[in-house]
N, C-alpha and C. Protein backbone atom coordinates (compact mmCIF):
# COMPACT_ATOMS: atom_id res chain seq x y z
N MET A 1 153.33 39.54 149.79
CA MET A 1 153.34 40.72 148.96
C MET A 1 151.94 40.96 148.39
N ASN A 2 151.51 42.19 148.45
CA ASN A 2 150.20 42.56 147.92
C ASN A 2 150.35 42.88 146.44
N LYS A 3 149.78 42.05 145.58
CA LYS A 3 149.93 42.27 144.15
C LYS A 3 149.11 43.46 143.64
N TYR A 4 148.30 44.05 144.51
CA TYR A 4 147.51 45.22 144.13
C TYR A 4 148.15 46.52 144.62
N ALA A 5 149.36 46.42 145.11
CA ALA A 5 150.15 47.58 145.53
C ALA A 5 151.53 47.44 144.90
N ASN A 6 152.26 48.53 144.81
CA ASN A 6 153.60 48.48 144.24
C ASN A 6 154.45 47.46 144.99
N HIS A 7 155.18 46.65 144.23
CA HIS A 7 156.05 45.64 144.81
C HIS A 7 157.21 45.35 143.87
N VAL A 8 158.24 44.70 144.43
CA VAL A 8 159.48 44.45 143.69
C VAL A 8 159.89 42.99 143.83
N TYR A 9 160.22 42.39 142.71
CA TYR A 9 160.85 41.08 142.69
C TYR A 9 162.34 41.31 142.42
N VAL A 10 163.20 40.70 143.21
CA VAL A 10 164.64 40.80 142.99
C VAL A 10 165.13 39.44 142.53
N ILE A 11 165.77 39.41 141.36
CA ILE A 11 166.31 38.16 140.81
C ILE A 11 167.83 38.22 140.92
N PRO A 12 168.41 37.51 141.89
CA PRO A 12 169.88 37.52 142.02
C PRO A 12 170.52 36.45 141.14
N GLU A 13 171.70 36.79 140.65
CA GLU A 13 172.44 35.85 139.80
C GLU A 13 172.92 34.64 140.60
N ASP A 14 173.51 34.90 141.76
CA ASP A 14 174.11 33.82 142.54
C ASP A 14 174.01 34.12 144.03
N ARG A 15 174.61 33.27 144.84
CA ARG A 15 174.53 33.41 146.29
C ARG A 15 175.05 34.76 146.77
N ARG A 16 176.15 35.23 146.20
CA ARG A 16 176.72 36.51 146.63
C ARG A 16 175.77 37.66 146.35
N ASP A 17 175.18 37.67 145.16
CA ASP A 17 174.23 38.72 144.82
C ASP A 17 172.97 38.61 145.68
N GLU A 18 172.57 37.39 146.00
CA GLU A 18 171.44 37.17 146.89
C GLU A 18 171.72 37.74 148.28
N GLU A 19 172.93 37.54 148.78
CA GLU A 19 173.30 38.07 150.09
C GLU A 19 173.31 39.60 150.10
N ILE A 20 173.79 40.19 149.00
CA ILE A 20 173.77 41.65 148.90
C ILE A 20 172.32 42.15 148.91
N ALA A 21 171.45 41.47 148.14
CA ALA A 21 170.03 41.86 148.11
C ALA A 21 169.39 41.70 149.48
N ASN A 22 169.71 40.60 150.16
CA ASN A 22 169.16 40.39 151.51
C ASN A 22 169.66 41.46 152.48
N GLY A 23 170.90 41.86 152.34
CA GLY A 23 171.43 42.94 153.17
C GLY A 23 170.70 44.25 152.91
N PHE A 24 170.38 44.50 151.65
CA PHE A 24 169.63 45.70 151.28
C PHE A 24 168.27 45.71 151.96
N ILE A 25 167.53 44.61 151.82
CA ILE A 25 166.18 44.60 152.40
C ILE A 25 166.22 44.45 153.92
N GLY A 26 167.38 44.10 154.44
CA GLY A 26 167.52 44.02 155.88
C GLY A 26 167.77 45.36 156.56
N HIS A 27 167.96 46.40 155.76
CA HIS A 27 168.16 47.74 156.32
C HIS A 27 166.90 48.14 157.09
N HIS A 28 167.10 48.78 158.24
CA HIS A 28 165.97 49.09 159.13
C HIS A 28 164.92 50.01 158.52
N GLN A 29 165.24 50.76 157.48
CA GLN A 29 164.26 51.66 156.87
C GLN A 29 163.50 51.02 155.71
N VAL A 30 163.94 49.86 155.25
CA VAL A 30 163.29 49.21 154.11
C VAL A 30 162.06 48.44 154.59
N LYS A 31 160.96 48.71 153.94
CA LYS A 31 159.72 47.99 154.23
C LYS A 31 159.81 46.64 153.52
N VAL A 32 159.70 45.57 154.27
CA VAL A 32 159.90 44.24 153.68
C VAL A 32 158.66 43.72 152.94
N ALA A 33 157.49 44.20 153.26
CA ALA A 33 156.28 43.69 152.63
C ALA A 33 156.27 43.84 151.10
N PRO A 34 156.75 44.96 150.55
CA PRO A 34 156.66 45.10 149.10
C PRO A 34 157.86 44.58 148.30
N ILE A 35 158.75 43.80 148.92
CA ILE A 35 159.92 43.33 148.19
C ILE A 35 160.17 41.86 148.50
N GLN A 36 160.55 41.12 147.45
CA GLN A 36 160.83 39.70 147.63
C GLN A 36 162.07 39.33 146.83
N VAL A 37 163.05 38.74 147.52
CA VAL A 37 164.23 38.22 146.84
C VAL A 37 163.90 36.80 146.40
N MET A 38 163.96 36.60 145.12
CA MET A 38 163.61 35.31 144.53
C MET A 38 164.81 34.36 144.62
N PRO A 39 164.60 33.07 144.35
CA PRO A 39 165.73 32.13 144.36
C PRO A 39 166.79 32.55 143.33
N ARG A 40 168.05 32.33 143.68
CA ARG A 40 169.13 32.69 142.76
C ARG A 40 169.00 31.92 141.45
N ALA A 41 169.33 32.61 140.38
CA ALA A 41 169.13 32.05 139.04
C ALA A 41 170.26 31.12 138.60
N GLY A 42 171.48 31.37 139.06
CA GLY A 42 172.59 30.52 138.66
C GLY A 42 173.30 30.99 137.41
N GLY A 43 173.73 32.24 137.41
CA GLY A 43 174.44 32.81 136.26
C GLY A 43 173.61 33.89 135.59
N TRP A 44 174.32 34.86 135.00
CA TRP A 44 173.57 35.97 134.40
C TRP A 44 172.69 35.53 133.22
N PRO A 45 173.12 34.54 132.38
CA PRO A 45 172.19 34.11 131.32
C PRO A 45 170.88 33.55 131.90
N SER A 46 170.98 32.88 133.04
CA SER A 46 169.78 32.33 133.68
C SER A 46 168.90 33.44 134.26
N VAL A 47 169.52 34.51 134.75
CA VAL A 47 168.75 35.67 135.22
C VAL A 47 167.92 36.21 134.06
N LEU A 48 168.57 36.38 132.92
CA LEU A 48 167.89 36.93 131.75
C LEU A 48 166.77 36.00 131.29
N LYS A 49 167.04 34.73 131.21
CA LYS A 49 166.02 33.77 130.78
C LYS A 49 164.85 33.72 131.76
N THR A 50 165.16 33.69 133.06
CA THR A 50 164.11 33.70 134.08
C THR A 50 163.24 34.95 133.93
N PHE A 51 163.89 36.08 133.73
CA PHE A 51 163.15 37.33 133.54
C PHE A 51 162.21 37.21 132.34
N GLN A 52 162.75 36.73 131.22
CA GLN A 52 161.95 36.65 130.00
C GLN A 52 160.77 35.68 130.13
N VAL A 53 161.01 34.54 130.73
CA VAL A 53 159.98 33.50 130.81
C VAL A 53 158.96 33.77 131.92
N GLU A 54 159.44 34.15 133.11
CA GLU A 54 158.55 34.29 134.26
C GLU A 54 158.07 35.71 134.55
N TYR A 55 158.96 36.68 134.37
CA TYR A 55 158.65 38.01 134.89
C TYR A 55 158.10 38.98 133.85
N ILE A 56 158.40 38.79 132.59
CA ILE A 56 157.76 39.65 131.59
C ILE A 56 156.24 39.47 131.66
N PRO A 57 155.73 38.23 131.70
CA PRO A 57 154.28 38.09 131.83
C PRO A 57 153.73 38.70 133.13
N LYS A 58 154.45 38.56 134.24
CA LYS A 58 153.99 39.15 135.50
C LYS A 58 153.90 40.67 135.38
N LEU A 59 154.91 41.27 134.76
CA LEU A 59 154.91 42.72 134.59
C LEU A 59 153.79 43.17 133.65
N GLN A 60 153.58 42.40 132.60
CA GLN A 60 152.53 42.76 131.64
C GLN A 60 151.15 42.65 132.25
N ASN A 61 150.98 41.73 133.19
CA ASN A 61 149.68 41.52 133.82
C ASN A 61 149.47 42.32 135.09
N ASN A 62 150.52 43.00 135.57
CA ASN A 62 150.39 43.72 136.82
C ASN A 62 151.19 45.03 136.78
N PRO A 63 150.51 46.16 136.66
CA PRO A 63 151.20 47.44 136.57
C PRO A 63 151.89 47.86 137.87
N PHE A 64 151.66 47.13 138.95
CA PHE A 64 152.29 47.45 140.23
C PHE A 64 153.61 46.70 140.44
N ALA A 65 153.90 45.75 139.57
CA ALA A 65 155.10 44.92 139.72
C ALA A 65 156.33 45.62 139.13
N HIS A 66 157.47 45.40 139.79
CA HIS A 66 158.77 45.89 139.35
C HIS A 66 159.77 44.75 139.49
N VAL A 67 160.83 44.78 138.71
CA VAL A 67 161.86 43.74 138.79
C VAL A 67 163.23 44.38 138.86
N VAL A 68 164.04 43.89 139.80
CA VAL A 68 165.44 44.27 139.89
C VAL A 68 166.26 43.01 139.67
N MET A 69 167.10 43.02 138.66
CA MET A 69 167.99 41.90 138.39
C MET A 69 169.37 42.28 138.90
N VAL A 70 169.95 41.46 139.77
CA VAL A 70 171.26 41.72 140.35
C VAL A 70 172.24 40.73 139.73
N ILE A 71 173.16 41.26 138.93
CA ILE A 71 174.09 40.40 138.19
C ILE A 71 175.54 40.87 138.40
N ASP A 72 176.46 40.03 137.96
CA ASP A 72 177.86 40.41 137.88
C ASP A 72 178.10 40.81 136.42
N PHE A 73 178.68 41.97 136.21
CA PHE A 73 178.92 42.41 134.84
C PHE A 73 180.21 41.82 134.25
N ASP A 74 181.03 41.18 135.07
CA ASP A 74 182.24 40.49 134.59
C ASP A 74 183.10 41.35 133.67
N ASP A 75 183.25 42.63 134.03
CA ASP A 75 184.02 43.60 133.25
C ASP A 75 183.53 43.74 131.80
N GLN A 76 182.25 43.51 131.59
CA GLN A 76 181.64 43.67 130.26
C GLN A 76 180.36 44.49 130.40
N ILE A 77 180.50 45.63 131.04
CA ILE A 77 179.33 46.45 131.39
C ILE A 77 178.48 46.80 130.17
N ASP A 78 179.08 47.40 129.16
CA ASP A 78 178.31 47.86 128.00
C ASP A 78 177.66 46.69 127.26
N LYS A 79 178.41 45.64 127.04
CA LYS A 79 177.89 44.48 126.32
C LYS A 79 176.75 43.81 127.10
N ARG A 80 176.98 43.59 128.37
CA ARG A 80 175.98 42.91 129.19
C ARG A 80 174.72 43.77 129.33
N ARG A 81 174.91 45.08 129.58
CA ARG A 81 173.75 45.96 129.73
C ARG A 81 172.94 46.00 128.43
N ALA A 82 173.63 46.00 127.29
CA ALA A 82 172.95 46.01 126.00
C ALA A 82 172.12 44.74 125.80
N GLU A 83 172.64 43.60 126.22
CA GLU A 83 171.89 42.35 126.11
C GLU A 83 170.62 42.39 126.93
N PHE A 84 170.72 42.90 128.14
CA PHE A 84 169.54 43.00 129.00
C PHE A 84 168.57 44.04 128.46
N ASP A 85 169.08 45.20 128.05
CA ASP A 85 168.20 46.25 127.53
C ASP A 85 167.42 45.77 126.32
N GLN A 86 168.09 44.98 125.47
CA GLN A 86 167.42 44.47 124.27
C GLN A 86 166.30 43.49 124.63
N ALA A 87 166.46 42.77 125.73
CA ALA A 87 165.47 41.77 126.13
C ALA A 87 164.28 42.34 126.88
N ILE A 88 164.40 43.57 127.35
CA ILE A 88 163.31 44.19 128.13
C ILE A 88 162.38 44.92 127.17
N PRO A 89 161.11 44.52 127.10
CA PRO A 89 160.17 45.24 126.23
C PRO A 89 160.11 46.73 126.58
N ASP A 90 160.00 47.55 125.57
CA ASP A 90 160.00 49.00 125.77
C ASP A 90 158.96 49.47 126.78
N ASP A 91 157.77 48.86 126.74
CA ASP A 91 156.71 49.31 127.63
C ASP A 91 156.94 48.90 129.09
N LEU A 92 157.99 48.09 129.35
CA LEU A 92 158.29 47.66 130.72
C LEU A 92 159.58 48.26 131.26
N LYS A 93 160.35 48.93 130.42
CA LYS A 93 161.67 49.43 130.82
C LYS A 93 161.64 50.32 132.08
N ALA A 94 160.58 51.06 132.27
CA ALA A 94 160.50 51.95 133.43
C ALA A 94 160.38 51.18 134.75
N ARG A 95 159.99 49.91 134.68
CA ARG A 95 159.78 49.12 135.90
C ARG A 95 160.80 47.99 136.06
N VAL A 96 161.84 48.01 135.24
CA VAL A 96 162.87 46.97 135.28
C VAL A 96 164.24 47.61 135.46
N PHE A 97 165.04 47.01 136.34
CA PHE A 97 166.34 47.56 136.70
C PHE A 97 167.38 46.45 136.70
N VAL A 98 168.53 46.74 136.12
CA VAL A 98 169.63 45.77 136.11
C VAL A 98 170.81 46.44 136.81
N ILE A 99 171.25 45.85 137.93
CA ILE A 99 172.37 46.41 138.67
C ILE A 99 173.34 45.30 139.03
N GLY A 100 174.54 45.70 139.36
CA GLY A 100 175.53 44.71 139.80
C GLY A 100 176.92 45.27 139.81
N SER A 101 177.82 44.43 140.27
CA SER A 101 179.21 44.83 140.37
C SER A 101 179.88 44.83 139.00
N LYS A 102 180.85 45.71 138.83
CA LYS A 102 181.58 45.84 137.57
C LYS A 102 182.23 44.52 137.18
N ASP A 103 182.85 43.89 138.15
CA ASP A 103 183.51 42.61 137.91
C ASP A 103 182.67 41.53 138.57
N GLU A 104 183.00 41.21 139.81
CA GLU A 104 182.25 40.24 140.60
C GLU A 104 182.14 40.76 142.03
N PRO A 105 181.16 40.29 142.78
CA PRO A 105 181.00 40.77 144.16
C PRO A 105 182.24 40.56 145.03
N GLU A 106 183.03 39.54 144.74
CA GLU A 106 184.24 39.30 145.54
C GLU A 106 185.18 40.50 145.50
N THR A 107 185.28 41.10 144.33
CA THR A 107 186.15 42.27 144.16
C THR A 107 185.66 43.41 145.04
N LEU A 108 184.37 43.63 145.05
CA LEU A 108 183.76 44.68 145.88
C LEU A 108 183.94 44.37 147.35
N LYS A 109 183.72 43.12 147.72
CA LYS A 109 183.87 42.69 149.12
C LYS A 109 185.28 42.94 149.63
N LYS A 110 186.26 42.57 148.82
CA LYS A 110 187.67 42.77 149.21
C LYS A 110 188.00 44.25 149.33
N ALA A 111 187.52 45.04 148.38
CA ALA A 111 187.83 46.48 148.38
C ALA A 111 187.20 47.19 149.58
N LEU A 112 185.97 46.82 149.91
CA LEU A 112 185.26 47.49 151.00
C LEU A 112 185.53 46.85 152.36
N LYS A 113 186.10 45.65 152.34
CA LYS A 113 186.36 44.91 153.59
C LYS A 113 185.07 44.74 154.39
N MET A 114 184.02 44.33 153.67
CA MET A 114 182.70 44.13 154.27
C MET A 114 182.14 42.80 153.79
N LYS A 115 181.24 42.23 154.57
CA LYS A 115 180.50 41.04 154.14
C LYS A 115 179.46 41.48 153.11
N TYR A 116 178.98 40.52 152.32
CA TYR A 116 178.01 40.85 151.28
C TYR A 116 176.75 41.51 151.83
N GLU A 117 176.20 40.96 152.91
CA GLU A 117 174.99 41.56 153.48
C GLU A 117 175.27 42.97 154.00
N GLU A 118 176.46 43.21 154.52
CA GLU A 118 176.82 44.56 154.98
C GLU A 118 176.89 45.52 153.81
N ILE A 119 177.35 45.04 152.66
CA ILE A 119 177.39 45.88 151.46
C ILE A 119 175.97 46.28 151.06
N GLY A 120 175.08 45.30 151.01
CA GLY A 120 173.69 45.59 150.67
C GLY A 120 173.05 46.57 151.63
N ASN A 121 173.33 46.39 152.91
CA ASN A 121 172.80 47.29 153.93
C ASN A 121 173.33 48.70 153.74
N ALA A 122 174.62 48.83 153.43
CA ALA A 122 175.22 50.15 153.21
C ALA A 122 174.64 50.82 151.97
N LEU A 123 174.37 50.05 150.93
CA LEU A 123 173.76 50.61 149.72
C LEU A 123 172.35 51.11 150.01
N ALA A 124 171.61 50.35 150.84
CA ALA A 124 170.27 50.79 151.23
C ALA A 124 170.34 52.06 152.07
N ALA A 125 171.31 52.13 152.96
CA ALA A 125 171.47 53.33 153.79
C ALA A 125 171.73 54.55 152.92
N ASP A 126 172.56 54.38 151.89
CA ASP A 126 172.80 55.48 150.95
C ASP A 126 171.49 55.90 150.27
N CYS A 127 170.71 54.92 149.83
CA CYS A 127 169.44 55.24 149.16
C CYS A 127 168.52 56.00 150.11
N ASP A 128 168.44 55.52 151.34
CA ASP A 128 167.58 56.16 152.32
C ASP A 128 168.00 57.60 152.59
N ALA A 129 169.30 57.84 152.62
CA ALA A 129 169.83 59.17 152.93
C ALA A 129 170.04 60.05 151.70
N ASN A 130 169.64 59.56 150.54
CA ASN A 130 169.90 60.27 149.28
C ASN A 130 171.39 60.57 149.12
N ALA A 131 172.21 59.61 149.49
CA ALA A 131 173.66 59.74 149.40
C ALA A 131 174.19 58.76 148.36
N THR A 132 175.44 58.96 147.98
CA THR A 132 176.03 58.07 146.98
C THR A 132 177.35 57.46 147.45
N GLY A 133 177.67 57.59 148.73
CA GLY A 133 178.95 57.13 149.25
C GLY A 133 179.40 55.78 148.73
N TYR A 134 178.66 54.72 149.04
CA TYR A 134 179.03 53.38 148.59
C TYR A 134 178.75 53.19 147.10
N TRP A 135 177.70 53.83 146.61
CA TRP A 135 177.37 53.72 145.19
C TRP A 135 178.43 54.36 144.30
N ASP A 136 179.28 55.21 144.87
CA ASP A 136 180.34 55.84 144.09
C ASP A 136 181.59 54.96 143.97
N HIS A 137 181.60 53.81 144.61
CA HIS A 137 182.76 52.93 144.52
C HIS A 137 182.96 52.48 143.07
N GLU A 138 184.20 52.37 142.66
CA GLU A 138 184.50 52.04 141.27
C GLU A 138 183.87 50.74 140.79
N GLN A 139 183.57 49.81 141.70
CA GLN A 139 182.95 48.55 141.30
C GLN A 139 181.44 48.66 141.07
N ILE A 140 180.82 49.73 141.52
CA ILE A 140 179.38 49.86 141.31
C ILE A 140 178.93 51.23 140.80
N GLN A 141 179.87 52.14 140.58
CA GLN A 141 179.48 53.48 140.13
C GLN A 141 178.82 53.47 138.75
N HIS A 142 179.08 52.45 137.95
CA HIS A 142 178.46 52.35 136.62
C HIS A 142 176.94 52.18 136.72
N ASN A 143 176.42 51.92 137.91
CA ASN A 143 174.98 51.77 138.13
C ASN A 143 174.28 53.09 138.42
N ASP A 144 174.98 54.20 138.29
CA ASP A 144 174.43 55.48 138.75
C ASP A 144 173.08 55.83 138.11
N ALA A 145 172.97 55.69 136.80
CA ALA A 145 171.70 56.03 136.14
C ALA A 145 170.58 55.12 136.64
N VAL A 146 170.89 53.85 136.82
CA VAL A 146 169.89 52.89 137.32
C VAL A 146 169.55 53.22 138.77
N ARG A 147 170.55 53.55 139.57
CA ARG A 147 170.32 53.92 140.97
C ARG A 147 169.37 55.11 141.05
N ARG A 148 169.58 56.10 140.20
CA ARG A 148 168.71 57.27 140.21
C ARG A 148 167.27 56.90 139.84
N ARG A 149 167.11 56.03 138.86
CA ARG A 149 165.77 55.56 138.49
C ARG A 149 165.13 54.76 139.62
N LEU A 150 165.94 53.92 140.27
CA LEU A 150 165.43 53.14 141.41
C LEU A 150 164.91 54.05 142.51
N ILE A 151 165.69 55.08 142.83
CA ILE A 151 165.28 56.01 143.88
C ILE A 151 164.01 56.74 143.50
N GLN A 152 163.92 57.15 142.27
CA GLN A 152 162.72 57.86 141.81
C GLN A 152 161.50 56.96 141.77
N THR A 153 161.66 55.72 141.34
CA THR A 153 160.54 54.83 141.13
C THR A 153 160.15 54.00 142.35
N ILE A 154 161.15 53.43 143.01
CA ILE A 154 160.88 52.44 144.06
C ILE A 154 160.98 53.00 145.46
N LYS A 155 161.85 53.98 145.68
CA LYS A 155 162.03 54.49 147.03
C LYS A 155 160.72 54.96 147.68
N PRO A 156 159.81 55.61 146.96
CA PRO A 156 158.59 56.09 147.63
C PRO A 156 157.77 54.99 148.32
N PHE A 157 157.81 53.78 147.83
CA PHE A 157 157.02 52.74 148.48
C PHE A 157 157.87 51.72 149.24
N LEU A 158 159.19 51.79 149.08
CA LEU A 158 160.06 50.81 149.73
C LEU A 158 160.67 51.32 151.02
N PHE A 159 160.83 52.64 151.16
CA PHE A 159 161.44 53.22 152.37
C PHE A 159 160.40 54.01 153.14
């Protein structure tokens, strides 16, 4: 990854979220050079702590860096989003994104009858086509505002 060009770090909560992220970057239109899926954090509190300890300084020192945290909201969307929003410094909010399934990825996998990487690939296809088909699913539709910001901010250099 070129730290002097726009790039994205993806911090997945667990193996399932990591597979979804890998499926996303595996889409044929996604440029792999500016995106890196980091090692899974091991729970949403660890995602938040990793972000605070490792990635806030990276973002502060590099205006080209962006972070996407992929978590399970565990049916606590408002509470969990508020915790993450509170931890993100105001001057970095435009370059930080928190997305994930309403409950857990298993619920989404069962509903869509797809493997995790296939889900990520389908979400990337929607982004590439400016569509919301998979993003409109009840397990991930709560990410709509974040999805729109992602498309506006990251799509120009990722697709």
